[in-house]
Amino acid sequence: MKISMTDIFGIRCIALSDGQRLHDMIIGELKDGKRVTLDFSGIKQFASPFFNLSIGQIMTEISEGEFRKLLSLENLDETGIFVVEQVISNASKYHADADYKKIVDEILDRQAKGEDEA
């Protein structure tokens, strides 16, 4: 399966809802062991929330090894690659380190409640 990101999302991959939509489009394929290619040709802007909801969430459902074997990213610039690698690293650490997970969960809970972190 090959997905043209511009066909689905236009020139921006930034919104949480779009990240969730991408996740929902490809997770079944990946869980079935099928290869997925995401073509970022024409994407002018992206943000980590998009990748957190799509790629970060996928990392909770399949191993990093399977993820790297099955998901290909094409035409993503150096900044995009850096953001994706950070999301992968953070997701891997989150799922492997209980203390880190607890800290992140507490911060996210406070943010969701509108509390100040300071």
PDB file of N, CA and C in Angstrom:
ATOM      1  N   MET A   1       0.840  -1.166   0.000  1.00  0.00           N
ATOM      2  CA  MET A   1       0.000   0.000   0.000  1.00  0.00           C
ATOM      3  C   MET A   1       0.889   1.233   0.000  1.00  0.00           C
ATOM      4  N   LYS A   2       0.607   2.166  -0.902  1.00  0.00           N
ATOM      5  CA  LYS A   2       1.334   3.428  -0.954  1.00  0.00           C
ATOM      6  C   LYS A   2       0.316   4.551  -0.817  1.00  0.00           C
ATOM      7  N   ILE A   3       0.632   5.499   0.069  1.00  0.00           N
ATOM      8  CA  ILE A   3      -0.280   6.599   0.327  1.00  0.00           C
ATOM      9  C   ILE A   3       0.409   7.911  -0.011  1.00  0.00           C
ATOM     10  N   SER A   4      -0.227   8.686  -0.877  1.00  0.00           N
ATOM     11  CA  SER A   4       0.239  10.041  -1.151  1.00  0.00           C
ATOM     12  C   SER A   4      -0.343  10.932  -0.058  1.00  0.00           C
ATOM     13  N   MET A   5       0.549  11.446   0.776  1.00  0.00           N
ATOM     14  CA  MET A   5       0.095  12.261   1.904  1.00  0.00           C
ATOM     15  C   MET A   5      -0.628  13.517   1.440  1.00  0.00           C
ATOM     16  N   THR A   6      -0.190  14.116   0.328  1.00  0.00           N
ATOM     17  CA  THR A   6      -0.870  15.320  -0.161  1.00  0.00           C
ATOM     18  C   THR A   6      -2.279  15.011  -0.654  1.00  0.00           C
ATOM     19  N   ASP A   7      -2.490  13.821  -1.200  1.00  0.00           N
ATOM     20  CA  ASP A   7      -3.840  13.448  -1.637  1.00  0.00           C
ATOM     21  C   ASP A   7      -4.802  13.376  -0.458  1.00  0.00           C
ATOM     22  N   ILE A   8      -4.304  12.982   0.699  1.00  0.00           N
ATOM     23  CA  ILE A   8      -5.154  12.801   1.877  1.00  0.00           C
ATOM     24  C   ILE A   8      -5.229  14.075   2.722  1.00  0.00           C
ATOM     25  N   PHE A   9      -4.085  14.723   2.946  1.00  0.00           N
ATOM     26  CA  PHE A   9      -4.000  15.800   3.937  1.00  0.00           C
ATOM     27  C   PHE A   9      -3.684  17.175   3.353  1.00  0.00           C
ATOM     28  N   GLY A  10      -3.538  17.291   2.037  1.00  0.00           N
ATOM     29  CA  GLY A  10      -3.137  18.570   1.465  1.00  0.00           C
ATOM     30  C   GLY A  10      -1.653  18.787   1.681  1.00  0.00           C
ATOM     31  N   ILE A  11      -1.247  20.027   1.869  1.00  0.00           N
ATOM     32  CA  ILE A  11       0.181  20.328   1.977  1.00  0.00           C
ATOM     33  C   ILE A  11       0.682  20.359   3.421  1.00  0.00           C
ATOM     34  N   ARG A  12      -0.213  20.105   4.389  1.00  0.00           N
ATOM     35  CA  ARG A  12       0.184  20.148   5.804  1.00  0.00           C
ATOM     36  C   ARG A  12      -0.187  18.865   6.531  1.00  0.00           C
ATOM     37  N   CYS A  13       0.763  18.363   7.298  1.00  0.00           N
ATOM     38  CA  CYS A  13       0.534  17.223   8.190  1.00  0.00           C
ATOM     39  C   CYS A  13       0.838  17.727   9.599  1.00  0.00           C
ATOM     40  N   ILE A  14      -0.140  18.368  10.214  1.00  0.00           N
ATOM     41  CA  ILE A  14       0.113  18.997  11.504  1.00  0.00           C
ATOM     42  C   ILE A  14      -0.915  18.652  12.576  1.00  0.00           C
ATOM     43  N   ALA A  15      -2.139  18.378  12.189  1.00  0.00           N
ATOM     44  CA  ALA A  15      -3.219  18.239  13.163  1.00  0.00           C
ATOM     45  C   ALA A  15      -3.241  16.862  13.832  1.00  0.00           C
ATOM     46  N   LEU A  16      -3.588  16.870  15.111  1.00  0.00           N
ATOM     47  CA  LEU A  16      -3.760  15.611  15.840  1.00  0.00           C
ATOM     48  C   LEU A  16      -4.792  14.728  15.156  1.00  0.00           C
ATOM     49  N   SER A  17      -5.888  15.318  14.736  1.00  0.00           N
ATOM     50  CA  SER A  17      -6.958  14.525  14.109  1.00  0.00           C
ATOM     51  C   SER A  17      -6.478  13.866  12.815  1.00  0.00           C
ATOM     52  N   ASP A  18      -5.615  14.548  12.071  1.00  0.00           N
ATOM     53  CA  ASP A  18      -5.062  13.948  10.852  1.00  0.00           C
ATOM     54  C   ASP A  18      -4.099  12.815  11.190  1.00  0.00           C
ATOM     55  N   GLY A  19      -3.327  12.992  12.263  1.00  0.00           N
ATOM     56  CA  GLY A  19      -2.447  11.909  12.710  1.00  0.00           C
ATOM     57  C   GLY A  19      -3.246  10.682  13.090  1.00  0.00           C
ATOM     58  N   GLN A  20      -4.351  10.891  13.785  1.00  0.00           N
ATOM     59  CA  GLN A  20      -5.219   9.765  14.152  1.00  0.00           C
ATOM     60  C   GLN A  20      -5.807   9.112  12.902  1.00  0.00           C
ATOM     61  N   ARG A  21      -6.203   9.939  11.957  1.00  0.00           N
ATOM     62  CA  ARG A  21      -6.767   9.411  10.704  1.00  0.00           C
ATOM     63  C   ARG A  21      -5.754   8.549   9.968  1.00  0.00           C
ATOM     64  N   LEU A  22      -4.492   9.015   9.899  1.00  0.00           N
ATOM     65  CA  LEU A  22      -3.455   8.215   9.246  1.00  0.00           C
ATOM     66  C   LEU A  22      -3.242   6.905   9.991  1.00  0.00           C
ATOM     67  N   HIS A  23      -3.141   6.980  11.296  1.00  0.00           N
ATOM     68  CA  HIS A  23      -3.002   5.759  12.105  1.00  0.00           C
ATOM     69  C   HIS A  23      -4.093   4.757  11.745  1.00  0.00           C
ATOM     70  N   ASP A  24      -5.333   5.226  11.761  1.00  0.00           N
ATOM     71  CA  ASP A  24      -6.465   4.341  11.507  1.00  0.00           C
ATOM     72  C   ASP A  24      -6.433   3.754  10.094  1.00  0.00           C
ATOM     73  N   MET A  25      -5.874   4.499   9.149  1.00  0.00           N
ATOM     74  CA  MET A  25      -5.784   4.020   7.766  1.00  0.00           C
ATOM     75  C   MET A  25      -4.779   2.893   7.604  1.00  0.00           C
ATOM     76  N   ILE A  26      -3.695   2.920   8.383  1.00  0.00           N
ATOM     77  CA  ILE A  26      -2.596   1.992   8.093  1.00  0.00           C
ATOM     78  C   ILE A  26      -2.370   0.916   9.149  1.00  0.00           C
ATOM     79  N   ILE A  27      -2.903   1.057  10.341  1.00  0.00           N
ATOM     80  CA  ILE A  27      -2.567   0.109  11.405  1.00  0.00           C
ATOM     81  C   ILE A  27      -2.975  -1.321  11.062  1.00  0.00           C
ATOM     82  N   GLY A  28      -4.115  -1.495  10.427  1.00  0.00           N
ATOM     83  CA  GLY A  28      -4.553  -2.845  10.055  1.00  0.00           C
ATOM     84  C   GLY A  28      -3.584  -3.515   9.101  1.00  0.00           C
ATOM     85  N   GLU A  29      -3.102  -2.758   8.129  1.00  0.00           N
ATOM     86  CA  GLU A  29      -2.129  -3.288   7.173  1.00  0.00           C
ATOM     87  C   GLU A  29      -0.851  -3.717   7.886  1.00  0.00           C
ATOM     88  N   LEU A  30      -0.360  -2.839   8.759  1.00  0.00           N
ATOM     89  CA  LEU A  30       0.888  -3.137   9.476  1.00  0.00           C
ATOM     90  C   LEU A  30       0.724  -4.343  10.386  1.00  0.00           C
ATOM     91  N   LYS A  31      -0.391  -4.429  11.097  1.00  0.00           N
ATOM     92  CA  LYS A  31      -0.626  -5.577  11.978  1.00  0.00           C
ATOM     93  C   LYS A  31      -0.724  -6.880  11.192  1.00  0.00           C
ATOM     94  N   ASP A  32      -1.168  -6.776   9.936  1.00  0.00           N
ATOM     95  CA  ASP A  32      -1.243  -7.958   9.068  1.00  0.00           C
ATOM     96  C   ASP A  32       0.097  -8.275   8.407  1.00  0.00           C
ATOM     97  N   GLY A  33       1.129  -7.500   8.741  1.00  0.00           N
ATOM     98  CA  GLY A  33       2.453  -7.752   8.186  1.00  0.00           C
ATOM     99  C   GLY A  33       2.649  -7.219   6.783  1.00  0.00           C
ATOM    100  N   LYS A  34       1.772  -6.321   6.344  1.00  0.00           N
ATOM    101  CA  LYS A  34       1.869  -5.758   4.997  1.00  0.00           C
ATOM    102  C   LYS A  34       2.678  -4.460   5.033  1.00  0.00           C
ATOM    103  N   ARG A  35       3.424  -4.236   3.970  1.00  0.00           N
ATOM    104  CA  ARG A  35       4.234  -3.029   3.869  1.00  0.00           C
ATOM    105  C   ARG A  35       3.366  -1.822   3.507  1.00  0.00           C
ATOM    106  N   VAL A  36       3.712  -0.681   4.100  1.00  0.00           N
ATOM    107  CA  VAL A  36       3.037   0.583   3.825  1.00  0.00           C
ATOM    108  C   VAL A  36       4.109   1.626   3.526  1.00  0.00           C
ATOM    109  N   THR A  37       3.890   2.405   2.471  1.00  0.00           N
ATOM    110  CA  THR A  37       4.783   3.498   2.113  1.00  0.00           C
ATOM    111  C   THR A  37       4.004   4.795   2.178  1.00  0.00           C
ATOM    112  N   LEU A  38       4.555   5.752   2.891  1.00  0.00           N
ATOM    113  CA  LEU A  38       3.961   7.081   2.971  1.00  0.00           C
ATOM    114  C   LEU A  38       4.821   8.022   2.140  1.00  0.00           C
ATOM    115  N   ASP A  39       4.222   8.623   1.125  1.00  0.00           N
ATOM    116  CA  ASP A  39       4.940   9.532   0.226  1.00  0.00           C
ATOM    117  C   ASP A  39       4.621  10.970   0.622  1.00  0.00           C
ATOM    118  N   PHE A  40       5.634  11.681   1.094  1.00  0.00           N
ATOM    119  CA  PHE A  40       5.475  13.042   1.573  1.00  0.00           C
ATOM    120  C   PHE A  40       5.751  14.091   0.498  1.00  0.00           C
ATOM    121  N   SER A  41       5.795  13.702  -0.774  1.00  0.00           N
ATOM    122  CA  SER A  41       5.991  14.669  -1.860  1.00  0.00           C
ATOM    123  C   SER A  41       4.940  15.764  -1.764  1.00  0.00           C
ATOM    124  N   GLY A  42       5.401  17.011  -1.816  1.00  0.00           N
ATOM    125  CA  GLY A  42       4.474  18.140  -1.809  1.00  0.00           C
ATOM    126  C   GLY A  42       4.065  18.632  -0.430  1.00  0.00           C
ATOM    127  N   ILE A  43       4.451  17.913   0.619  1.00  0.00           N
ATOM    128  CA  ILE A  43       4.122  18.371   1.967  1.00  0.00           C
ATOM    129  C   ILE A  43       5.037  19.547   2.302  1.00  0.00           C
ATOM    130  N   LYS A  44       4.432  20.651   2.679  1.00  0.00           N
ATOM    131  CA  LYS A  44       5.184  21.874   2.974  1.00  0.00           C
ATOM    132  C   LYS A  44       5.383  22.090   4.470  1.00  0.00           C
ATOM    133  N   GLN A  45       4.526  21.493   5.286  1.00  0.00           N
ATOM    134  CA  GLN A  45       4.609  21.730   6.724  1.00  0.00           C
ATOM    135  C   GLN A  45       4.131  20.482   7.459  1.00  0.00           C
ATOM    136  N   PHE A  46       4.824  20.171   8.533  1.00  0.00           N
ATOM    137  CA  PHE A  46       4.407  19.074   9.393  1.00  0.00           C
ATOM    138  C   PHE A  46       4.772  19.422  10.822  1.00  0.00           C
ATOM    139  N   ALA A  47       4.147  18.728  11.762  1.00  0.00           N
ATOM    140  CA  ALA A  47       4.405  19.007  13.174  1.00  0.00           C
ATOM    141  C   ALA A  47       4.399  17.700  13.949  1.00  0.00           C
ATOM    142  N   SER A  48       5.102  17.717  15.074  1.00  0.00           N
ATOM    143  CA  SER A  48       5.215  16.499  15.872  1.00  0.00           C
ATOM    144  C   SER A  48       3.873  15.966  16.369  1.00  0.00           C
ATOM    145  N   PRO A  49       2.849  16.795  16.681  1.00  0.00           N
ATOM    146  CA  PRO A  49       1.572  16.197  17.099  1.00  0.00           C
ATOM    147  C   PRO A  49       1.001  15.225  16.058  1.00  0.00           C
ATOM    148  N   PHE A  50       1.156  15.557  14.787  1.00  0.00           N
ATOM    149  CA  PHE A  50       0.698  14.661  13.726  1.00  0.00           C
ATOM    150  C   PHE A  50       1.424  13.315  13.814  1.00  0.00           C
ATOM    151  N   PHE A  51       2.738  13.374  13.959  1.00  0.00           N
ATOM    152  CA  PHE A  51       3.521  12.145  14.025  1.00  0.00           C
ATOM    153  C   PHE A  51       3.321  11.413  15.350  1.00  0.00           C
ATOM    154  N   ASN A  52       3.103  12.146  16.422  1.00  0.00           N
ATOM    155  CA  ASN A  52       2.840  11.486  17.705  1.00  0.00           C
ATOM    156  C   ASN A  52       1.585  10.622  17.639  1.00  0.00           C
ATOM    157  N   LEU A  53       0.531  11.157  17.025  1.00  0.00           N
ATOM    158  CA  LEU A  53      -0.723  10.408  16.969  1.00  0.00           C
ATOM    159  C   LEU A  53      -0.678   9.291  15.948  1.00  0.00           C
ATOM    160  N   SER A  54       0.071   9.467  14.890  1.00  0.00           N
ATOM    161  CA  SER A  54       0.137   8.414  13.883  1.00  0.00           C
ATOM    162  C   SER A  54       1.234   7.416  14.228  1.00  0.00           C
ATOM    163  N   ILE A  55       2.458   7.822  14.103  1.00  0.00           N
ATOM    164  CA  ILE A  55       3.593   6.924  14.304  1.00  0.00           C
ATOM    165  C   ILE A  55       3.772   6.526  15.768  1.00  0.00           C
ATOM    166  N   GLY A  56       3.708   7.497  16.671  1.00  0.00           N
ATOM    167  CA  GLY A  56       3.865   7.181  18.098  1.00  0.00           C
ATOM    168  C   GLY A  56       2.853   6.167  18.579  1.00  0.00           C
ATOM    169  N   GLN A  57       1.626   6.318  18.130  1.00  0.00           N
ATOM    170  CA  GLN A  57       0.578   5.392  18.527  1.00  0.00           C
ATOM    171  C   GLN A  57       0.791   4.003  17.916  1.00  0.00           C
ATOM    172  N   ILE A  58       1.260   3.969  16.684  1.00  0.00           N
ATOM    173  CA  ILE A  58       1.547   2.681  16.036  1.00  0.00           C
ATOM    174  C   ILE A  58       2.584   1.908  16.846  1.00  0.00           C
ATOM    175  N   MET A  59       3.535   2.647  17.414  1.00  0.00           N
ATOM    176  CA  MET A  59       4.595   2.005  18.188  1.00  0.00           C
ATOM    177  C   MET A  59       4.061   1.326  19.449  1.00  0.00           C
ATOM    178  N   THR A  60       2.835   1.633  19.850  1.00  0.00           N
ATOM    179  CA  THR A  60       2.233   0.939  20.987  1.00  0.00           C
ATOM    180  C   THR A  60       1.613  -0.380  20.552  1.00  0.00           C
ATOM    181  N   GLU A  61       1.467  -0.560  19.240  1.00  0.00           N
ATOM    182  CA  GLU A  61       0.722  -1.708  18.723  1.00  0.00           C
ATOM    183  C   GLU A  61       1.575  -2.736  17.989  1.00  0.00           C
ATOM    184  N   ILE A  62       2.733  -2.307  17.509  1.00  0.00           N
ATOM    185  CA  ILE A  62       3.673  -3.249  16.897  1.00  0.00           C
ATOM    186  C   ILE A  62       5.072  -2.899  17.394  1.00  0.00           C
ATOM    187  N   SER A  63       5.991  -3.834  17.279  1.00  0.00           N
ATOM    188  CA  SER A  63       7.355  -3.601  17.758  1.00  0.00           C
ATOM    189  C   SER A  63       8.077  -2.607  16.850  1.00  0.00           C
ATOM    190  N   GLU A  64       9.118  -2.000  17.387  1.00  0.00           N
ATOM    191  CA  GLU A  64       9.910  -1.079  16.582  1.00  0.00           C
ATOM    192  C   GLU A  64      10.530  -1.793  15.385  1.00  0.00           C
ATOM    193  N   GLY A  65      10.963  -3.027  15.583  1.00  0.00           N
ATOM    194  CA  GLY A  65      11.534  -3.792  14.473  1.00  0.00           C
ATOM    195  C   GLY A  65      10.532  -4.005  13.346  1.00  0.00           C
ATOM    196  N   GLU A  66       9.321  -4.396  13.693  1.00  0.00           N
ATOM    197  CA  GLU A  66       8.272  -4.578  12.687  1.00  0.00           C
ATOM    198  C   GLU A  66       7.932  -3.253  12.034  1.00  0.00           C
ATOM    199  N   PHE A  67       7.842  -2.217  12.849  1.00  0.00           N
ATOM    200  CA  PHE A  67       7.551  -0.877  12.347  1.00  0.00           C
ATOM    201  C   PHE A  67       8.571  -0.483  11.282  1.00  0.00           C
ATOM    202  N   ARG A  68       9.848  -0.623  11.595  1.00  0.00           N
ATOM    203  CA  ARG A  68      10.905  -0.218  10.660  1.00  0.00           C
ATOM    204  C   ARG A  68      10.942  -1.103   9.422  1.00  0.00           C
ATOM    205  N   LYS A  69      10.550  -2.350   9.572  1.00  0.00           N
ATOM    206  CA  LYS A  69      10.542  -3.263   8.431  1.00  0.00           C
ATOM    207  C   LYS A  69       9.363  -2.977   7.493  1.00  0.00           C
ATOM    208  N   LEU A  70       8.233  -2.599   8.062  1.00  0.00           N
ATOM    209  CA  LEU A  70       7.007  -2.512   7.278  1.00  0.00           C
ATOM    210  C   LEU A  70       6.636  -1.106   6.809  1.00  0.00           C
ATOM    211  N   LEU A  71       7.070  -0.075   7.514  1.00  0.00           N
ATOM    212  CA  LEU A  71       6.663   1.283   7.161  1.00  0.00           C
ATOM    213  C   LEU A  71       7.823   2.041   6.531  1.00  0.00           C
ATOM    214  N   SER A  72       7.596   2.558   5.330  1.00  0.00           N
ATOM    215  CA  SER A  72       8.602   3.350   4.623  1.00  0.00           C
ATOM    216  C   SER A  72       8.091   4.775   4.466  1.00  0.00           C
ATOM    217  N   LEU A  73       9.008   5.709   4.638  1.00  0.00           N
ATOM    218  CA  LEU A  73       8.688   7.121   4.464  1.00  0.00           C
ATOM    219  C   LEU A  73       9.492   7.639   3.288  1.00  0.00           C
ATOM    220  N   GLU A  74       8.816   8.154   2.276  1.00  0.00           N
ATOM    221  CA  GLU A  74       9.481   8.661   1.075  1.00  0.00           C
ATOM    222  C   GLU A  74       9.334  10.168   0.998  1.00  0.00           C
ATOM    223  N   ASN A  75      10.358  10.809   0.478  1.00  0.00           N
ATOM    224  CA  ASN A  75      10.330  12.241   0.188  1.00  0.00           C
ATOM    225  C   ASN A  75      10.042  13.099   1.417  1.00  0.00           C
ATOM    226  N   LEU A  76      10.561  12.666   2.540  1.00  0.00           N
ATOM    227  CA  LEU A  76      10.472  13.438   3.775  1.00  0.00           C
ATOM    228  C   LEU A  76      11.818  14.118   3.964  1.00  0.00           C
ATOM    229  N   ASP A  77      11.810  15.446   4.150  1.00  0.00           N
ATOM    230  CA  ASP A  77      13.072  16.163   4.251  1.00  0.00           C
ATOM    231  C   ASP A  77      13.789  15.855   5.566  1.00  0.00           C
ATOM    232  N   GLU A  78      15.006  16.400   5.709  1.00  0.00           N
ATOM    233  CA  GLU A  78      15.836  16.096   6.885  1.00  0.00           C
ATOM    234  C   GLU A  78      15.149  16.465   8.191  1.00  0.00           C
ATOM    235  N   THR A  79      14.465  17.590   8.211  1.00  0.00           N
ATOM    236  CA  THR A  79      13.757  18.000   9.425  1.00  0.00           C
ATOM    237  C   THR A  79      12.657  17.004   9.757  1.00  0.00           C
ATOM    238  N   GLY A  80      11.925  16.589   8.755  1.00  0.00           N
ATOM    239  CA  GLY A  80      10.866  15.601   8.954  1.00  0.00           C
ATOM    240  C   GLY A  80      11.411  14.283   9.473  1.00  0.00           C
ATOM    241  N   ILE A  81      12.515  13.850   8.911  1.00  0.00           N
ATOM    242  CA  ILE A  81      13.140  12.608   9.370  1.00  0.00           C
ATOM    243  C   ILE A  81      13.563  12.745  10.827  1.00  0.00           C
ATOM    244  N   PHE A  82      14.130  13.899  11.178  1.00  0.00           N
ATOM    245  CA  PHE A  82      14.536  14.142  12.559  1.00  0.00           C
ATOM    246  C   PHE A  82      13.336  14.063  13.498  1.00  0.00           C
ATOM    247  N   VAL A  83      12.230  14.698  13.130  1.00  0.00           N
ATOM    248  CA  VAL A  83      11.023  14.683  13.970  1.00  0.00           C
ATOM    249  C   VAL A  83      10.513  13.256  14.127  1.00  0.00           C
ATOM    250  N   VAL A  84      10.446  12.517  13.046  1.00  0.00           N
ATOM    251  CA  VAL A  84       9.970  11.129  13.107  1.00  0.00           C
ATOM    252  C   VAL A  84      10.874  10.290  14.005  1.00  0.00           C
ATOM    253  N   GLU A  85      12.182  10.440  13.863  1.00  0.00           N
ATOM    254  CA  GLU A  85      13.103   9.663  14.701  1.00  0.00           C
ATOM    255  C   GLU A  85      12.949  10.024  16.178  1.00  0.00           C
ATOM    256  N   GLN A  86      12.691  11.299  16.476  1.00  0.00           N
ATOM    257  CA  GLN A  86      12.440  11.702  17.863  1.00  0.00           C
ATOM    258  C   GLN A  86      11.164  11.062  18.392  1.00  0.00           C
ATOM    259  N   VAL A  87      10.125  11.032  17.574  1.00  0.00           N
ATOM    260  CA  VAL A  87       8.862  10.400  17.977  1.00  0.00           C
ATOM    261  C   VAL A  87       9.084   8.918  18.246  1.00  0.00           C
ATOM    262  N   ILE A  88       9.822   8.249  17.380  1.00  0.00           N
ATOM    263  CA  ILE A  88      10.116   6.824  17.559  1.00  0.00           C
ATOM    264  C   ILE A  88      10.920   6.609  18.838  1.00  0.00           C
ATOM    265  N   SER A  89      11.944   7.422  19.040  1.00  0.00           N
ATOM    266  CA  SER A  89      12.773   7.302  20.236  1.00  0.00           C
ATOM    267  C   SER A  89      11.952   7.532  21.500  1.00  0.00           C
ATOM    268  N   ASN A  90      11.144   8.577  21.496  1.00  0.00           N
ATOM    269  CA  ASN A  90      10.309   8.867  22.663  1.00  0.00           C
ATOM    270  C   ASN A  90       9.295   7.755  22.923  1.00  0.00           C
ATOM    271  N   ALA A  91       8.677   7.242  21.868  1.00  0.00           N
ATOM    272  CA  ALA A  91       7.696   6.166  22.029  1.00  0.00           C
ATOM    273  C   ALA A  91       8.370   4.906  22.558  1.00  0.00           C
ATOM    274  N   SER A  92       9.548   4.595  22.049  1.00  0.00           N
ATOM    275  CA  SER A  92      10.276   3.410  22.517  1.00  0.00           C
ATOM    276  C   SER A  92      10.632   3.553  23.994  1.00  0.00           C
ATOM    277  N   LYS A  93      11.136   4.720  24.371  1.00  0.00           N
ATOM    278  CA  LYS A  93      11.502   4.963  25.768  1.00  0.00           C
ATOM    279  C   LYS A  93      10.266   4.922  26.659  1.00  0.00           C
ATOM    280  N   TYR A  94       9.183   5.518  26.208  1.00  0.00           N
ATOM    281  CA  TYR A  94       7.930   5.552  26.969  1.00  0.00           C
ATOM    282  C   TYR A  94       7.449   4.136  27.299  1.00  0.00           C
ATOM    283  N   HIS A  95       7.523   3.258  26.335  1.00  0.00           N
ATOM    284  CA  HIS A  95       7.012   1.903  26.530  1.00  0.00           C
ATOM    285  C   HIS A  95       8.002   0.973  27.233  1.00  0.00           C
ATOM    286  N   ALA A  96       9.272   1.357  27.253  1.00  0.00           N
ATOM    287  CA  ALA A  96      10.283   0.486  27.856  1.00  0.00           C
ATOM    288  C   ALA A  96      10.669   0.894  29.276  1.00  0.00           C
ATOM    289  N   ASP A  97      10.390   2.130  29.655  1.00  0.00           N
ATOM    290  CA  ASP A  97      10.858   2.663  30.930  1.00  0.00           C
ATOM    291  C   ASP A  97       9.665   3.112  31.772  1.00  0.00           C
ATOM    292  N   ALA A  98       9.328   2.336  32.779  1.00  0.00           N
ATOM    293  CA  ALA A  98       8.148   2.608  33.613  1.00  0.00           C
ATOM    294  C   ALA A  98       8.235   3.960  34.315  1.00  0.00           C
ATOM    295  N   ASP A  99       9.422   4.341  34.776  1.00  0.00           N
ATOM    296  CA  ASP A  99       9.570   5.637  35.451  1.00  0.00           C
ATOM    297  C   ASP A  99       9.320   6.788  34.475  1.00  0.00           C
ATOM    298  N   TYR A 100       9.889   6.678  33.296  1.00  0.00           N
ATOM    299  CA  TYR A 100       9.690   7.703  32.267  1.00  0.00           C
ATOM    300  C   TYR A 100       8.213   7.796  31.898  1.00  0.00           C
ATOM    301  N   LYS A 101       7.567   6.652  31.737  1.00  0.00           N
ATOM    302  CA  LYS A 101       6.141   6.605  31.397  1.00  0.00           C
ATOM    303  C   LYS A 101       5.316   7.311  32.463  1.00  0.00           C
ATOM    304  N   LYS A 102       5.627   7.071  33.723  1.00  0.00           N
ATOM    305  CA  LYS A 102       4.890   7.686  34.823  1.00  0.00           C
ATOM    306  C   LYS A 102       5.032   9.205  34.790  1.00  0.00           C
ATOM    307  N   ILE A 103       6.249   9.682  34.575  1.00  0.00           N
ATOM    308  CA  ILE A 103       6.489  11.126  34.518  1.00  0.00           C
ATOM    309  C   ILE A 103       5.725  11.755  33.353  1.00  0.00           C
ATOM    310  N   VAL A 104       5.817  11.159  32.189  1.00  0.00           N
ATOM    311  CA  VAL A 104       5.123  11.688  31.019  1.00  0.00           C
ATOM    312  C   VAL A 104       3.617  11.677  31.247  1.00  0.00           C
ATOM    313  N   ASP A 105       3.094  10.593  31.783  1.00  0.00           N
ATOM    314  CA  ASP A 105       1.655  10.505  32.040  1.00  0.00           C
ATOM    315  C   ASP A 105       1.196  11.584  33.016  1.00  0.00           C
ATOM    316  N   GLU A 106       1.993  11.844  34.043  1.00  0.00           N
ATOM    317  CA  GLU A 106       1.638  12.884  35.014  1.00  0.00           C
ATOM    318  C   GLU A 106       1.632  14.266  34.357  1.00  0.00           C
ATOM    319  N   ILE A 107       2.614  14.544  33.529  1.00  0.00           N
ATOM    320  CA  ILE A 107       2.674  15.835  32.835  1.00  0.00           C
ATOM    321  C   ILE A 107       1.478  15.986  31.907  1.00  0.00           C
ATOM    322  N   LEU A 108       1.188  14.950  31.144  1.00  0.00           N
ATOM    323  CA  LEU A 108       0.058  15.015  30.219  1.00  0.00           C
ATOM    324  C   LEU A 108      -1.264  15.171  30.962  1.00  0.00           C
ATOM    325  N   ASP A 109      -1.387  14.518  32.099  1.00  0.00           N
ATOM    326  CA  ASP A 109      -2.598  14.636  32.906  1.00  0.00           C
ATOM    327  C   ASP A 109      -2.771  16.070  33.406  1.00  0.00           C
ATOM    328  N   ARG A 110      -1.681  16.667  33.886  1.00  0.00           N
ATOM    329  CA  ARG A 110      -1.745  18.059  34.349  1.00  0.00           C
ATOM    330  C   ARG A 110      -2.103  19.000  33.208  1.00  0.00           C
ATOM    331  N   GLN A 111      -1.516  18.774  32.048  1.00  0.00           N
ATOM    332  CA  GLN A 111      -1.812  19.631  30.901  1.00  0.00           C
ATOM    333  C   GLN A 111      -3.271  19.486  30.490  1.00  0.00           C
ATOM    334  N   ALA A 112      -3.778  18.274  30.505  1.00  0.00           N
ATOM    335  CA  ALA A 112      -5.177  18.035  30.144  1.00  0.00           C
ATOM    336  C   ALA A 112      -6.128  18.745  31.095  1.00  0.00           C
ATOM    337  N   LYS A 113      -5.721  18.858  32.338  1.00  0.00           N
ATOM    338  CA  LYS A 113      -6.550  19.529  33.352  1.00  0.00           C
ATOM    339  C   LYS A 113      -6.320  21.037  33.355  1.00  0.00           C
ATOM    340  N   GLY A 114      -5.369  21.514  32.535  1.00  0.00           N
ATOM    341  CA  GLY A 114      -5.092  22.928  32.441  1.00  0.00           C
ATOM    342  C   GLY A 114      -4.227  23.482  33.547  1.00  0.00           C
ATOM    343  N   GLU A 115      -3.535  22.612  34.262  1.00  0.00           N
ATOM    344  CA  GLU A 115      -2.674  23.045  35.335  1.00  0.00           C
ATOM    345  C   GLU A 115      -1.352  23.532  34.794  1.00  0.00           C
ATOM    346  N   ASP A 116      -0.749  24.448  35.499  1.00  0.00           N
ATOM    347  CA  ASP A 116       0.562  24.970  35.134  1.00  0.00           C
ATOM    348  C   ASP A 116       1.630  24.008  35.647  1.00  0.00           C
ATOM    349  N   GLU A 117       2.647  23.746  34.825  1.00  0.00           N
ATOM    350  CA  GLU A 117       3.713  22.822  35.221  1.00  0.00           C
ATOM    351  C   GLU A 117       4.714  23.445  36.185  1.00  0.00           C
ATOM    352  N   ALA A 118       4.762  24.750  36.264  1.00  0.00           N
ATOM    353  CA  ALA A 118       5.777  25.415  37.090  1.00  0.00           C
ATOM    354  C   ALA A 118       5.498  25.274  38.566  1.00  0.00           C
TER     355      ALA A 118
END
